Amino acid sequence: MDKPPAVFIADSLGLDFLNSIATPVDTPVDWIDDGGGLIEWLAQAKLVPTDELEALRARAKPGELDEVADQARALREWFRGFVREHAGRPLAATALKELGPLNSLLEQDEVFSRIEPRHDDSHRGLALRTTRHWRSPQSLLLPIGEAMAKFVCNEDFSDVKACEGHNCTMLFADHTRRRARRWCIMSVCGNRAKQAAHRSRLKSRQ
């Protein structure tokens, strides 16, 4: 089945990873249901350079990418439990003892810096950029782990919310001024709620 484009509405890539399985319309979609799906999701999330993704796809042994996708889904559901447990209040330092799986993943990283052409509007000069060795399909989990770690360390868990839409499973970080965001996507879940409320009002008048 052809999937719609992945959804990035959480205002945090760490949460967008959790939203890589969701029900954007009526049917649940898992964007990382296999190795090919993982490659496509990472490309759309811009977490891995396209040329590195294609090189890893070409080098992967049969079934190897699917195994990494299995690990990504397990990581996703572990992290979903952690986020739901702590959402709605500041994350305490004692939560560190629960983050062993994430720290174990981060310890596998091979990050290095190198000098590259500057990619700003001027296209002049050089810049020091951080990248990593992409030695195996397993390394595809590393930028996901980094996004999760940035979310854990930089986000106020008091702002983490679940969409109030019926049957919606999406999470997001509410960065609105009054912290009044209620929906993953206003044009989808918000409008559905408005329509349901309108139908309910009409029915009560009958």
Protein backbone atom coordinates (compact mmCIF):
# COMPACT_ATOMS: atom_id res chain seq x y z
CA MET A 1 0.00 0.00 0.00
CA ASP A 2 1.32 3.45 -0.92
CA LYS A 3 1.75 5.60 2.16
CA PRO A 4 1.00 9.31 2.35
CA PRO A 5 3.95 11.56 3.17
CA ALA A 6 5.15 11.25 6.76
CA VAL A 7 3.73 13.74 9.25
CA PHE A 8 5.99 16.20 11.06
CA ILE A 9 3.74 18.28 13.29
CA ALA A 10 5.20 17.78 16.78
CA ASP A 11 7.63 20.74 16.78
CA SER A 12 10.26 18.22 17.90
CA LEU A 13 11.83 15.46 15.82
CA GLY A 14 11.99 13.23 18.90
CA LEU A 15 8.20 13.34 19.13
CA ASP A 16 7.79 13.14 15.36
CA PHE A 17 9.53 9.77 15.62
CA LEU A 18 6.70 8.62 17.91
CA ASN A 19 4.23 9.94 15.34
CA SER A 20 5.79 7.71 12.66
CA ILE A 21 2.83 5.45 13.40
CA ALA A 22 -0.46 7.32 13.42
CA THR A 23 -3.95 7.56 11.97
CA PRO A 24 -3.81 10.74 9.90
CA VAL A 25 -7.20 10.14 8.27
CA ASP A 26 -9.06 6.91 8.96
CA THR A 27 -6.57 4.08 8.52
CA PRO A 28 -3.50 3.57 10.76
CA VAL A 29 -0.20 4.07 8.95
CA ASP A 30 3.20 2.87 10.12
CA TRP A 31 5.85 4.73 8.14
CA ILE A 32 8.63 2.42 9.38
CA ASP A 33 6.88 -0.92 8.93
CA ASP A 34 9.91 -2.28 7.06
CA GLY A 35 13.42 -1.32 6.02
CA GLY A 36 12.30 0.61 2.98
CA GLY A 37 9.86 2.56 5.11
CA LEU A 38 12.62 3.43 7.59
CA ILE A 39 14.80 4.74 4.75
CA GLU A 40 11.95 6.88 3.42
CA TRP A 41 11.04 8.25 6.85
CA LEU A 42 14.65 9.20 7.59
CA ALA A 43 14.86 10.93 4.21
CA GLN A 44 11.69 12.91 4.84
CA ALA A 45 12.86 13.79 8.36
CA LYS A 46 16.19 14.96 6.86
CA LEU A 47 18.04 13.04 9.55
CA VAL A 48 20.39 11.24 7.14
CA PRO A 49 21.88 12.62 3.89
CA THR A 50 20.16 11.12 0.85
CA ASP A 51 23.42 9.85 -0.66
CA GLU A 52 24.27 8.00 2.56
CA LEU A 53 20.81 6.42 2.66
CA GLU A 54 21.16 5.18 -0.90
CA ALA A 55 24.67 3.85 -0.20
CA LEU A 56 23.44 1.96 2.86
CA ARG A 57 20.48 0.58 0.92
CA ALA A 58 22.83 -0.67 -1.80
CA ARG A 59 25.24 -2.31 0.68
CA ALA A 60 22.64 -3.88 2.96
CA LYS A 61 22.30 -7.66 3.02
CA PRO A 62 18.87 -9.20 2.40
CA GLY A 63 16.63 -8.58 5.40
CA GLU A 64 19.20 -6.39 7.17
CA LEU A 65 17.24 -3.15 6.80
CA ASP A 66 14.05 -4.90 7.93
CA GLU A 67 15.84 -5.99 11.11
CA VAL A 68 16.89 -2.40 11.80
CA ALA A 69 13.29 -1.27 11.21
CA ASP A 70 12.20 -3.87 13.80
CA GLN A 71 14.65 -2.33 16.28
CA ALA A 72 13.42 1.17 15.43
CA ARG A 73 9.82 0.19 16.15
CA ALA A 74 10.82 -1.38 19.48
CA LEU A 75 12.76 1.79 20.36
CA ARG A 76 9.75 3.88 19.37
CA GLU A 77 7.35 2.02 21.64
CA TRP A 78 9.79 2.05 24.56
CA PHE A 79 10.18 5.82 24.14
CA ARG A 80 6.42 6.31 23.81
CA GLY A 81 5.98 4.72 27.22
CA PHE A 82 8.64 6.98 28.71
CA VAL A 83 7.14 10.15 27.21
CA ARG A 84 3.57 9.31 28.23
CA GLU A 85 4.74 8.50 31.75
CA HIS A 86 6.40 11.91 32.17
CA ALA A 87 4.32 14.22 29.94
CA GLY A 88 2.56 17.13 31.60
CA ARG A 89 5.20 18.00 34.20
CA PRO A 90 8.89 18.94 34.22
CA LEU A 91 11.20 15.98 33.74
CA ALA A 92 13.01 15.20 36.99
CA ALA A 93 16.67 14.19 37.12
CA THR A 94 15.58 10.86 38.61
CA ALA A 95 14.22 9.93 35.16
CA LEU A 96 17.81 9.28 34.10
CA LYS A 97 17.64 5.76 35.51
CA GLU A 98 14.92 4.96 32.94
CA LEU A 99 16.98 6.14 29.97
CA GLY A 100 19.42 3.24 29.79
CA PRO A 101 18.22 2.03 26.36
CA LEU A 102 18.71 5.50 24.88
CA ASN A 103 22.16 6.04 26.41
CA SER A 104 23.22 2.58 25.19
CA LEU A 105 22.27 3.59 21.65
CA LEU A 106 24.06 6.95 21.87
CA GLU A 107 27.26 5.24 23.04
CA GLN A 108 27.50 3.45 19.68
CA ASP A 109 27.82 6.69 17.71
CA GLU A 110 30.89 7.57 15.62
CA VAL A 111 30.60 11.32 15.25
CA PHE A 112 33.39 13.50 13.88
CA SER A 113 33.87 17.03 12.56
CA ARG A 114 35.21 18.07 9.20
CA ILE A 115 35.71 21.23 7.17
CA GLU A 116 33.25 21.69 4.30
CA PRO A 117 32.13 24.49 1.97
CA ARG A 118 29.77 26.89 3.70
CA HIS A 119 26.14 26.33 2.70
CA ASP A 120 24.61 29.67 3.66
CA ASP A 121 23.26 32.30 1.26
CA SER A 122 26.72 33.63 0.46
CA HIS A 123 28.19 30.20 -0.42
CA ARG A 124 31.55 31.70 0.54
CA GLY A 125 34.20 30.34 2.81
CA LEU A 126 34.41 27.19 4.87
CA ALA A 127 32.52 25.80 7.85
CA LEU A 128 33.19 23.14 10.47
CA ARG A 129 30.39 20.58 10.38
CA THR A 130 29.61 17.53 12.48
CA THR A 131 28.78 14.27 10.74
CA ARG A 132 29.13 10.56 11.47
CA HIS A 133 30.41 7.34 9.93
CA TRP A 134 27.56 5.38 8.34
CA ARG A 135 29.23 1.98 8.50
CA SER A 136 26.16 -0.27 8.58
CA PRO A 137 22.34 -0.15 8.49
CA GLN A 138 22.48 -0.21 12.30
CA SER A 139 23.86 3.33 12.19
CA LEU A 140 20.48 4.53 10.91
CA LEU A 141 19.25 4.37 14.51
CA LEU A 142 21.86 6.90 15.68
CA PRO A 143 20.30 10.14 14.37
CA ILE A 144 16.96 8.97 15.75
CA GLY A 145 18.58 8.45 19.15
CA GLU A 146 20.16 11.90 18.93
CA ALA A 147 16.78 13.50 18.15
CA MET A 148 15.21 11.68 21.09
CA ALA A 149 18.06 12.77 23.40
CA LYS A 150 17.73 16.41 22.32
CA PHE A 151 14.02 16.24 23.06
CA VAL A 152 14.62 14.74 26.52
CA CYS A 153 17.27 17.30 27.45
CA ASN A 154 15.92 20.46 25.82
CA GLU A 155 12.12 20.17 25.95
CA ASP A 156 9.89 21.11 28.88
CA PHE A 157 7.80 17.97 29.38
CA SER A 158 5.07 20.22 30.78
CA ASP A 159 4.43 21.26 27.17
CA VAL A 160 4.06 17.71 25.82
CA LYS A 161 0.47 16.95 24.89
CA ALA A 162 -1.58 14.30 23.16
CA CYS A 163 -3.93 15.42 20.40
CA GLU A 164 -7.51 15.60 21.65
CA GLY A 165 -8.86 14.27 18.36
CA HIS A 166 -11.01 11.15 18.45
CA ASN A 167 -8.81 8.06 17.99
CA CYS A 168 -5.77 10.27 17.27
CA THR A 169 -2.51 9.03 18.77
CA MET A 170 -0.24 11.93 17.84
CA LEU A 171 1.87 13.78 20.39
CA PHE A 172 3.27 17.29 20.12
CA ALA A 173 5.16 19.97 22.05
CA ASP A 174 2.87 22.95 22.62
CA HIS A 175 4.99 26.04 22.00
CA THR A 176 2.07 28.42 21.45
CA ARG A 177 2.12 31.59 23.52
CA ARG A 178 -0.71 30.55 25.83
CA ARG A 179 0.01 26.82 25.62
CA ALA A 180 -3.52 26.42 24.23
CA ARG A 181 -2.83 24.01 21.36
CA ARG A 182 -5.23 21.04 21.40
CA TRP A 183 -4.85 19.37 18.02
CA CYS A 184 -2.08 17.73 16.01
CA ILE A 185 -3.35 19.42 12.83
CA MET A 186 -6.15 21.95 13.14
CA SER A 187 -7.37 21.28 9.60
CA VAL A 188 -7.80 17.58 10.40
CA CYS A 189 -8.55 16.78 14.04
CA GLY A 190 -9.61 20.30 14.93
CA ASN A 191 -12.14 20.49 12.12
CA ARG A 192 -13.42 17.00 12.91
CA ALA A 193 -14.06 18.06 16.50
CA LYS A 194 -15.87 21.20 15.35
CA GLN A 195 -18.06 19.19 12.99
CA ALA A 196 -18.85 16.65 15.70
CA ALA A 197 -19.78 19.42 18.13
CA HIS A 198 -21.99 21.04 15.49
CA ARG A 199 -23.80 17.76 14.80
CA SER A 200 -24.27 17.25 18.53
CA ARG A 201 -25.82 20.71 18.92
CA LEU A 202 -28.17 20.09 16.01
CA LYS A 203 -29.23 16.74 17.44
CA SER A 204 -29.91 18.25 20.88
CA ARG A 205 -32.27 20.80 19.31
CA GLN A 206 -34.35 18.13 17.61
